[in-house]
PDB file of N, CA and C in Angstrom:
ATOM      1  N   MET A   1     -49.097   7.949   5.880  1.00  0.00           N
ATOM      2  CA  MET A   1     -48.543   6.760   6.527  1.00  0.00           C
ATOM      3  C   MET A   1     -48.420   7.072   7.952  1.00  0.00           C
ATOM      4  N   ASP A   2     -48.983   6.182   8.818  1.00  0.00           N
ATOM      5  CA  ASP A   2     -48.643   6.472  10.251  1.00  0.00           C
ATOM      6  C   ASP A   2     -47.195   5.761  10.600  1.00  0.00           C
ATOM      7  N   THR A   3     -46.951   6.244  12.004  1.00  0.00           N
ATOM      8  CA  THR A   3     -45.578   5.833  12.420  1.00  0.00           C
ATOM      9  C   THR A   3     -45.154   4.233  12.255  1.00  0.00           C
ATOM     10  N   GLY A   4     -46.491   3.612  12.614  1.00  0.00           N
ATOM     11  CA  GLY A   4     -46.142   2.141  12.797  1.00  0.00           C
ATOM     12  C   GLY A   4     -45.820   1.486  11.269  1.00  0.00           C
ATOM     13  N   HIS A   5     -46.716   2.166  10.225  1.00  0.00           N
ATOM     14  CA  HIS A   5     -46.479   1.615   9.081  1.00  0.00           C
ATOM     15  C   HIS A   5     -45.103   2.074   8.607  1.00  0.00           C
ATOM     16  N   ALA A   6     -44.711   3.247   8.745  1.00  0.00           N
ATOM     17  CA  ALA A   6     -43.238   3.817   8.375  1.00  0.00           C
ATOM     18  C   ALA A   6     -42.199   3.074   8.841  1.00  0.00           C
ATOM     19  N   LEU A   7     -42.223   2.543  10.090  1.00  0.00           N
ATOM     20  CA  LEU A   7     -41.255   1.943  10.748  1.00  0.00           C
ATOM     21  C   LEU A   7     -41.197   0.511  10.241  1.00  0.00           C
ATOM     22  N   ALA A   8     -42.329  -0.124   9.902  1.00  0.00           N
ATOM     23  CA  ALA A   8     -42.390  -1.429   9.232  1.00  0.00           C
ATOM     24  C   ALA A   8     -41.922  -1.343   7.696  1.00  0.00           C
ATOM     25  N   TYR A   9     -42.060  -0.195   7.167  1.00  0.00           N
ATOM     26  CA  TYR A   9     -41.604  -0.140   5.809  1.00  0.00           C
ATOM     27  C   TYR A   9     -39.991   0.258   5.533  1.00  0.00           C
ATOM     28  N   ASN A  10     -39.520   1.094   6.533  1.00  0.00           N
ATOM     29  CA  ASN A  10     -38.096   1.278   6.651  1.00  0.00           C
ATOM     30  C   ASN A  10     -37.331  -0.026   7.071  1.00  0.00           C
ATOM     31  N   CYS A  11     -37.985  -0.785   8.128  1.00  0.00           N
ATOM     32  CA  CYS A  11     -37.276  -2.083   8.379  1.00  0.00           C
ATOM     33  C   CYS A  11     -37.235  -2.823   7.220  1.00  0.00           C
ATOM     34  N   CYS A  12     -38.292  -3.043   6.421  1.00  0.00           N
ATOM     35  CA  CYS A  12     -38.306  -4.088   5.303  1.00  0.00           C
ATOM     36  C   CYS A  12     -37.347  -3.428   4.251  1.00  0.00           C
ATOM     37  N   GLN A  13     -37.238  -2.265   3.961  1.00  0.00           N
ATOM     38  CA  GLN A  13     -36.351  -1.649   3.009  1.00  0.00           C
ATOM     39  C   GLN A  13     -34.771  -2.059   3.484  1.00  0.00           C
ATOM     40  N   HIS A  14     -34.746  -1.858   4.856  1.00  0.00           N
ATOM     41  CA  HIS A  14     -33.295  -2.134   5.265  1.00  0.00           C
ATOM     42  C   HIS A  14     -32.867  -3.615   4.990  1.00  0.00           C
ATOM     43  N   TRP A  15     -33.821  -4.599   5.385  1.00  0.00           N
ATOM     44  CA  TRP A  15     -33.504  -5.899   5.115  1.00  0.00           C
ATOM     45  C   TRP A  15     -33.461  -6.273   3.509  1.00  0.00           C
ATOM     46  N   LEU A  16     -34.289  -5.655   2.840  1.00  0.00           N
ATOM     47  CA  LEU A  16     -34.219  -5.862   1.309  1.00  0.00           C
ATOM     48  C   LEU A  16     -33.007  -5.477   0.655  1.00  0.00           C
ATOM     49  N   GLY A  17     -32.437  -4.068   1.203  1.00  0.00           N
ATOM     50  CA  GLY A  17     -30.957  -3.846   0.570  1.00  0.00           C
ATOM     51  C   GLY A  17     -29.832  -4.742   1.159  1.00  0.00           C
ATOM     52  N   ALA A  18     -30.220  -5.403   2.372  1.00  0.00           N
ATOM     53  CA  ALA A  18     -28.961  -6.140   2.698  1.00  0.00           C
ATOM     54  C   ALA A  18     -29.059  -7.336   1.985  1.00  0.00           C
ATOM     55  N   TRP A  19     -30.334  -7.865   1.605  1.00  0.00           N
ATOM     56  CA  TRP A  19     -30.438  -9.063   0.925  1.00  0.00           C
ATOM     57  C   TRP A  19     -29.873  -8.870  -0.644  1.00  0.00           C
ATOM     58  N   GLU A  20     -30.076  -7.727  -1.066  1.00  0.00           N
ATOM     59  CA  GLU A  20     -29.635  -7.472  -2.331  1.00  0.00           C
ATOM     60  C   GLU A  20     -28.168  -7.318  -2.498  1.00  0.00           C
ATOM     61  N   ASP A  21     -27.627  -6.775  -1.402  1.00  0.00           N
ATOM     62  CA  ASP A  21     -26.243  -6.928  -1.289  1.00  0.00           C
ATOM     63  C   ASP A  21     -25.447  -8.248  -1.157  1.00  0.00           C
ATOM     64  N   THR A  22     -26.149  -9.149  -0.488  1.00  0.00           N
ATOM     65  CA  THR A  22     -25.831 -10.619  -0.478  1.00  0.00           C
ATOM     66  C   THR A  22     -25.935 -11.283  -1.792  1.00  0.00           C
ATOM     67  N   MET A  23     -26.980 -10.807  -2.380  1.00  0.00           N
ATOM     68  CA  MET A  23     -26.937 -11.663  -3.746  1.00  0.00           C
ATOM     69  C   MET A  23     -26.075 -11.013  -4.745  1.00  0.00           C
ATOM     70  N   ALA A  24     -25.437  -9.849  -4.568  1.00  0.00           N
ATOM     71  CA  ALA A  24     -24.676  -9.200  -5.386  1.00  0.00           C
ATOM     72  C   ALA A  24     -23.168  -9.552  -5.388  1.00  0.00           C
ATOM     73  N   LYS A  25     -22.990 -10.390  -4.308  1.00  0.00           N
ATOM     74  CA  LYS A  25     -21.295 -10.709  -4.010  1.00  0.00           C
ATOM     75  C   LYS A  25     -21.314 -12.026  -4.750  1.00  0.00           C
ATOM     76  N   LYS A  26     -19.795 -12.112  -5.241  1.00  0.00           N
ATOM     77  CA  LYS A  26     -19.618 -13.289  -5.850  1.00  0.00           C
ATOM     78  C   LYS A  26     -18.345 -13.920  -5.200  1.00  0.00           C
ATOM     79  N   LEU A  27     -18.276 -15.318  -5.226  1.00  0.00           N
ATOM     80  CA  LEU A  27     -17.062 -15.720  -4.591  1.00  0.00           C
ATOM     81  C   LEU A  27     -15.970 -16.005  -5.611  1.00  0.00           C
ATOM     82  N   TYR A  28     -14.717 -15.502  -5.238  1.00  0.00           N
ATOM     83  CA  TYR A  28     -13.716 -15.515  -5.993  1.00  0.00           C
ATOM     84  C   TYR A  28     -12.397 -15.904  -5.221  1.00  0.00           C
ATOM     85  N   ARG A  29     -11.460 -16.665  -5.859  1.00  0.00           N
ATOM     86  CA  ARG A  29     -10.253 -16.949  -4.864  1.00  0.00           C
ATOM     87  C   ARG A  29      -9.440 -15.613  -4.998  1.00  0.00           C
ATOM     88  N   SER A  30      -8.856 -15.557  -3.773  1.00  0.00           N
ATOM     89  CA  SER A  30      -8.172 -14.284  -3.345  1.00  0.00           C
ATOM     90  C   SER A  30      -6.660 -14.187  -4.124  1.00  0.00           C
ATOM     91  N   ARG A  31      -6.438 -12.970  -4.554  1.00  0.00           N
ATOM     92  CA  ARG A  31      -5.015 -12.850  -5.143  1.00  0.00           C
ATOM     93  C   ARG A  31      -3.994 -12.382  -4.160  1.00  0.00           C
ATOM     94  N   THR A  32      -4.468 -11.582  -3.160  1.00  0.00           N
ATOM     95  CA  THR A  32      -3.659 -10.901  -2.152  1.00  0.00           C
ATOM     96  C   THR A  32      -3.575 -11.939  -1.030  1.00  0.00           C
ATOM     97  N   ASP A  33      -4.632 -12.475  -0.398  1.00  0.00           N
ATOM     98  CA  ASP A  33      -4.616 -13.154   0.842  1.00  0.00           C
ATOM     99  C   ASP A  33      -4.716 -14.560   0.345  1.00  0.00           C
ATOM    100  N   ARG A  34      -3.624 -15.106   0.036  1.00  0.00           N
ATOM    101  CA  ARG A  34      -3.488 -16.500  -0.147  1.00  0.00           C
ATOM    102  C   ARG A  34      -2.171 -17.042   0.337  1.00  0.00           C
ATOM    103  N   LYS A  35      -2.556 -18.390   0.685  1.00  0.00           N
ATOM    104  CA  LYS A  35      -1.140 -19.173   1.120  1.00  0.00           C
ATOM    105  C   LYS A  35      -0.956 -20.178   0.037  1.00  0.00           C
ATOM    106  N   ILE A  36      -1.903 -20.890  -0.604  1.00  0.00           N
ATOM    107  CA  ILE A  36      -1.685 -21.799  -1.572  1.00  0.00           C
ATOM    108  C   ILE A  36      -2.558 -21.434  -3.055  1.00  0.00           C
ATOM    109  N   TRP A  37      -3.839 -21.436  -2.988  1.00  0.00           N
ATOM    110  CA  TRP A  37      -4.500 -20.999  -4.127  1.00  0.00           C
ATOM    111  C   TRP A  37      -5.667 -19.973  -3.981  1.00  0.00           C
ATOM    112  N   GLY A  38      -5.571 -19.665  -2.676  1.00  0.00           N
ATOM    113  CA  GLY A  38      -6.524 -18.272  -2.341  1.00  0.00           C
ATOM    114  C   GLY A  38      -7.942 -18.741  -1.998  1.00  0.00           C
ATOM    115  N   VAL A  39      -8.065 -19.939  -1.899  1.00  0.00           N
ATOM    116  CA  VAL A  39      -9.424 -20.380  -1.610  1.00  0.00           C
ATOM    117  C   VAL A  39     -10.169 -19.822  -0.173  1.00  0.00           C
ATOM    118  N   CYS A  40      -9.319 -20.246   0.678  1.00  0.00           N
ATOM    119  CA  CYS A  40      -9.550 -19.598   2.157  1.00  0.00           C
ATOM    120  C   CYS A  40      -9.651 -18.144   2.251  1.00  0.00           C
ATOM    121  N   GLY A  41      -8.911 -17.389   1.663  1.00  0.00           N
ATOM    122  CA  GLY A  41      -8.741 -16.068   1.683  1.00  0.00           C
ATOM    123  C   GLY A  41     -10.167 -15.414   1.047  1.00  0.00           C
ATOM    124  N   GLY A  42     -10.468 -16.284  -0.249  1.00  0.00           N
ATOM    125  CA  GLY A  42     -11.783 -15.900  -0.920  1.00  0.00           C
ATOM    126  C   GLY A  42     -12.932 -16.082  -0.079  1.00  0.00           C
ATOM    127  N   LEU A  43     -12.948 -17.155   0.696  1.00  0.00           N
ATOM    128  CA  LEU A  43     -14.124 -17.709   1.430  1.00  0.00           C
ATOM    129  C   LEU A  43     -14.197 -16.664   2.456  1.00  0.00           C
ATOM    130  N   ALA A  44     -13.313 -16.202   3.208  1.00  0.00           N
ATOM    131  CA  ALA A  44     -13.153 -15.333   4.364  1.00  0.00           C
ATOM    132  C   ALA A  44     -13.780 -13.795   3.856  1.00  0.00           C
ATOM    133  N   LYS A  45     -13.210 -13.300   2.580  1.00  0.00           N
ATOM    134  CA  LYS A  45     -13.811 -12.251   2.179  1.00  0.00           C
ATOM    135  C   LYS A  45     -15.372 -12.170   1.761  1.00  0.00           C
ATOM    136  N   TYR A  46     -15.722 -13.215   1.251  1.00  0.00           N
ATOM    137  CA  TYR A  46     -17.159 -13.456   0.909  1.00  0.00           C
ATOM    138  C   TYR A  46     -17.942 -13.467   2.133  1.00  0.00           C
ATOM    139  N   PHE A  47     -17.542 -14.245   3.205  1.00  0.00           N
ATOM    140  CA  PHE A  47     -18.448 -14.175   4.422  1.00  0.00           C
ATOM    141  C   PHE A  47     -18.159 -13.132   5.530  1.00  0.00           C
ATOM    142  N   GLY A  48     -17.109 -12.280   5.212  1.00  0.00           N
ATOM    143  CA  GLY A  48     -16.672 -11.298   5.972  1.00  0.00           C
ATOM    144  C   GLY A  48     -15.979 -11.642   7.422  1.00  0.00           C
ATOM    145  N   ILE A  49     -15.265 -12.738   7.277  1.00  0.00           N
ATOM    146  CA  ILE A  49     -14.553 -13.119   8.598  1.00  0.00           C
ATOM    147  C   ILE A  49     -13.182 -13.156   8.262  1.00  0.00           C
ATOM    148  N   ASP A  50     -12.509 -13.401   9.414  1.00  0.00           N
ATOM    149  CA  ASP A  50     -11.065 -13.329   9.467  1.00  0.00           C
ATOM    150  C   ASP A  50     -10.476 -14.802   8.796  1.00  0.00           C
ATOM    151  N   PRO A  51      -9.586 -14.453   7.743  1.00  0.00           N
ATOM    152  CA  PRO A  51      -9.144 -15.716   7.128  1.00  0.00           C
ATOM    153  C   PRO A  51      -8.504 -16.753   7.919  1.00  0.00           C
ATOM    154  N   THR A  52      -7.897 -16.478   8.992  1.00  0.00           N
ATOM    155  CA  THR A  52      -7.087 -17.396   9.814  1.00  0.00           C
ATOM    156  C   THR A  52      -8.421 -18.533  10.228  1.00  0.00           C
ATOM    157  N   THR A  53      -9.490 -17.952  10.619  1.00  0.00           N
ATOM    158  CA  THR A  53     -10.686 -18.763  11.156  1.00  0.00           C
ATOM    159  C   THR A  53     -10.896 -19.826   9.956  1.00  0.00           C
ATOM    160  N   VAL A  54     -11.128 -19.340   8.666  1.00  0.00           N
ATOM    161  CA  VAL A  54     -11.594 -20.216   7.553  1.00  0.00           C
ATOM    162  C   VAL A  54     -10.244 -21.327   7.369  1.00  0.00           C
ATOM    163  N   ARG A  55      -8.986 -20.818   7.487  1.00  0.00           N
ATOM    164  CA  ARG A  55      -7.831 -21.891   7.457  1.00  0.00           C
ATOM    165  C   ARG A  55      -8.054 -22.793   8.407  1.00  0.00           C
ATOM    166  N   VAL A  56      -8.233 -22.540   9.855  1.00  0.00           N
ATOM    167  CA  VAL A  56      -8.229 -23.266  10.887  1.00  0.00           C
ATOM    168  C   VAL A  56      -9.385 -24.388  10.608  1.00  0.00           C
ATOM    169  N   ILE A  57     -10.735 -23.944  10.035  1.00  0.00           N
ATOM    170  CA  ILE A  57     -11.695 -24.789   9.849  1.00  0.00           C
ATOM    171  C   ILE A  57     -11.181 -25.875   8.622  1.00  0.00           C
ATOM    172  N   ALA A  58     -10.589 -25.309   7.687  1.00  0.00           N
ATOM    173  CA  ALA A  58     -10.011 -26.164   6.503  1.00  0.00           C
ATOM    174  C   ALA A  58      -9.166 -27.128   6.934  1.00  0.00           C
ATOM    175  N   ILE A  59      -8.228 -26.852   7.845  1.00  0.00           N
ATOM    176  CA  ILE A  59      -7.143 -27.847   8.301  1.00  0.00           C
ATOM    177  C   ILE A  59      -8.004 -29.045   9.344  1.00  0.00           C
ATOM    178  N   VAL A  60      -8.828 -28.459  10.059  1.00  0.00           N
ATOM    179  CA  VAL A  60      -9.551 -29.385  10.731  1.00  0.00           C
ATOM    180  C   VAL A  60     -10.530 -30.448   9.987  1.00  0.00           C
ATOM    181  N   SER A  61     -11.218 -29.841   9.003  1.00  0.00           N
ATOM    182  CA  SER A  61     -11.862 -30.683   8.104  1.00  0.00           C
ATOM    183  C   SER A  61     -10.760 -31.642   7.273  1.00  0.00           C
ATOM    184  N   ILE A  62      -9.704 -31.254   7.018  1.00  0.00           N
ATOM    185  CA  ILE A  62      -9.062 -32.009   6.323  1.00  0.00           C
ATOM    186  C   ILE A  62      -8.384 -33.227   7.333  1.00  0.00           C
ATOM    187  N   PHE A  63      -8.122 -33.022   8.439  1.00  0.00           N
ATOM    188  CA  PHE A  63      -7.557 -34.058   9.414  1.00  0.00           C
ATOM    189  C   PHE A  63      -8.846 -34.970  10.008  1.00  0.00           C
ATOM    190  N   VAL A  64      -9.977 -34.383  10.258  1.00  0.00           N
ATOM    191  CA  VAL A  64     -10.935 -35.152  10.772  1.00  0.00           C
ATOM    192  C   VAL A  64     -11.930 -35.997   9.911  1.00  0.00           C
ATOM    193  N   THR A  65     -12.071 -35.433   8.692  1.00  0.00           N
ATOM    194  CA  THR A  65     -12.939 -36.327   7.626  1.00  0.00           C
ATOM    195  C   THR A  65     -12.198 -36.675   6.624  1.00  0.00           C
ATOM    196  N   GLY A  66     -11.153 -35.821   6.041  1.00  0.00           N
ATOM    197  CA  GLY A  66     -10.534 -36.038   4.705  1.00  0.00           C
ATOM    198  C   GLY A  66     -10.976 -35.334   3.822  1.00  0.00           C
ATOM    199  N   LEU A  67     -12.393 -35.026   3.748  1.00  0.00           N
ATOM    200  CA  LEU A  67     -13.109 -34.435   2.700  1.00  0.00           C
ATOM    201  C   LEU A  67     -12.639 -32.968   2.437  1.00  0.00           C
ATOM    202  N   GLY A  68     -11.992 -32.616   3.453  1.00  0.00           N
ATOM    203  CA  GLY A  68     -11.581 -31.015   3.243  1.00  0.00           C
ATOM    204  C   GLY A  68     -10.500 -30.898   2.035  1.00  0.00           C
ATOM    205  N   ILE A  69      -9.738 -31.696   1.953  1.00  0.00           N
ATOM    206  CA  ILE A  69      -8.781 -31.561   0.942  1.00  0.00           C
ATOM    207  C   ILE A  69      -9.270 -31.728  -0.566  1.00  0.00           C
ATOM    208  N   ILE A  70     -10.594 -32.535  -0.590  1.00  0.00           N
ATOM    209  CA  ILE A  70     -11.001 -32.775  -1.880  1.00  0.00           C
ATOM    210  C   ILE A  70     -11.850 -31.562  -2.243  1.00  0.00           C
ATOM    211  N   ALA A  71     -12.611 -30.698  -1.059  1.00  0.00           N
ATOM    212  CA  ALA A  71     -13.294 -29.746  -1.330  1.00  0.00           C
ATOM    213  C   ALA A  71     -12.550 -28.556  -1.633  1.00  0.00           C
ATOM    214  N   TYR A  72     -11.279 -28.398  -1.065  1.00  0.00           N
ATOM    215  CA  TYR A  72     -10.344 -27.398  -1.292  1.00  0.00           C
ATOM    216  C   TYR A  72      -9.863 -27.582  -2.665  1.00  0.00           C
ATOM    217  N   ILE A  73      -9.531 -28.744  -3.137  1.00  0.00           N
ATOM    218  CA  ILE A  73      -9.145 -28.714  -4.576  1.00  0.00           C
ATOM    219  C   ILE A  73     -10.170 -28.671  -5.546  1.00  0.00           C
ATOM    220  N   VAL A  74     -11.478 -28.902  -5.391  1.00  0.00           N
ATOM    221  CA  VAL A  74     -12.273 -28.511  -6.227  1.00  0.00           C
ATOM    222  C   VAL A  74     -12.937 -27.230  -6.321  1.00  0.00           C
ATOM    223  N   MET A  75     -12.659 -26.356  -5.049  1.00  0.00           N
ATOM    224  CA  MET A  75     -12.842 -25.151  -5.036  1.00  0.00           C
ATOM    225  C   MET A  75     -11.772 -24.445  -5.776  1.00  0.00           C
ATOM    226  N   ALA A  76     -10.434 -24.845  -5.716  1.00  0.00           N
ATOM    227  CA  ALA A  76      -9.531 -24.050  -6.516  1.00  0.00           C
ATOM    228  C   ALA A  76      -9.845 -24.233  -7.860  1.00  0.00           C
ATOM    229  N   ILE A  77     -10.201 -25.273  -8.363  1.00  0.00           N
ATOM    230  CA  ILE A  77     -10.508 -25.578  -9.811  1.00  0.00           C
ATOM    231  C   ILE A  77     -11.735 -24.951 -10.153  1.00  0.00           C
ATOM    232  N   VAL A  78     -12.746 -24.805  -9.487  1.00  0.00           N
ATOM    233  CA  VAL A  78     -14.090 -24.236 -10.030  1.00  0.00           C
ATOM    234  C   VAL A  78     -14.202 -22.607  -9.623  1.00  0.00           C
ATOM    235  N   VAL A  79     -13.675 -22.265  -8.449  1.00  0.00           N
ATOM    236  CA  VAL A  79     -13.844 -20.942  -8.302  1.00  0.00           C
ATOM    237  C   VAL A  79     -12.929 -19.997  -8.921  1.00  0.00           C
ATOM    238  N   PRO A  80     -13.356 -19.020  -9.600  1.00  0.00           N
ATOM    239  CA  PRO A  80     -12.503 -18.170 -10.442  1.00  0.00           C
ATOM    240  C   PRO A  80     -11.754 -17.213  -9.676  1.00  0.00           C
ATOM    241  N   LEU A  81     -10.412 -16.832  -9.988  1.00  0.00           N
ATOM    242  CA  LEU A  81      -9.300 -16.055  -9.371  1.00  0.00           C
ATOM    243  C   LEU A  81      -9.902 -14.683  -9.577  1.00  0.00           C
ATOM    244  N   GLU A  82     -10.007 -13.697  -8.500  1.00  0.00           N
ATOM    245  CA  GLU A  82     -10.474 -12.652  -8.438  1.00  0.00           C
ATOM    246  C   GLU A  82      -9.798 -11.607  -9.543  1.00  0.00           C
ATOM    247  N   SER A  83     -10.172 -10.639 -10.244  1.00  0.00           N
ATOM    248  CA  SER A  83      -9.705 -10.086 -11.192  1.00  0.00           C
ATOM    249  C   SER A  83      -8.690  -9.061 -10.710  1.00  0.00           C
ATOM    250  N   SER A  84      -7.638  -8.625 -11.365  1.00  0.00           N
ATOM    251  CA  SER A  84      -6.471  -7.739 -11.042  1.00  0.00           C
ATOM    252  C   SER A  84      -7.163  -6.252 -10.965  1.00  0.00           C
ATOM    253  N   GLU A  85      -8.215  -5.850 -11.246  1.00  0.00           N
ATOM    254  CA  GLU A  85      -8.617  -4.555 -11.208  1.00  0.00           C
ATOM    255  C   GLU A  85      -9.187  -4.104  -9.726  1.00  0.00           C
ATOM    256  N   VAL A  86      -9.445  -5.178  -9.053  1.00  0.00           N
ATOM    257  CA  VAL A  86      -9.997  -4.928  -7.586  1.00  0.00           C
ATOM    258  C   VAL A  86      -9.244  -4.363  -6.952  1.00  0.00           C
TER     259      VAL A  86
END
């Protein structure tokens, strides 16, 4: 295999591994990083961002559209709580 093919192969393997890691993640409500039901903490952990950012987005969506509260309640019911073995 020449250098160009090896580089392309390694690049594809890197992206394939990242894709598999993303597909293996599951969304859970947080047990530890929670203010009400752990929805924002769970979303932040899933997307790898700061929980405060998710909470600010949630508050803004509640006051701007009103749909944020409905989405939050639905997620609190539908998304499972993370296991205590984590």
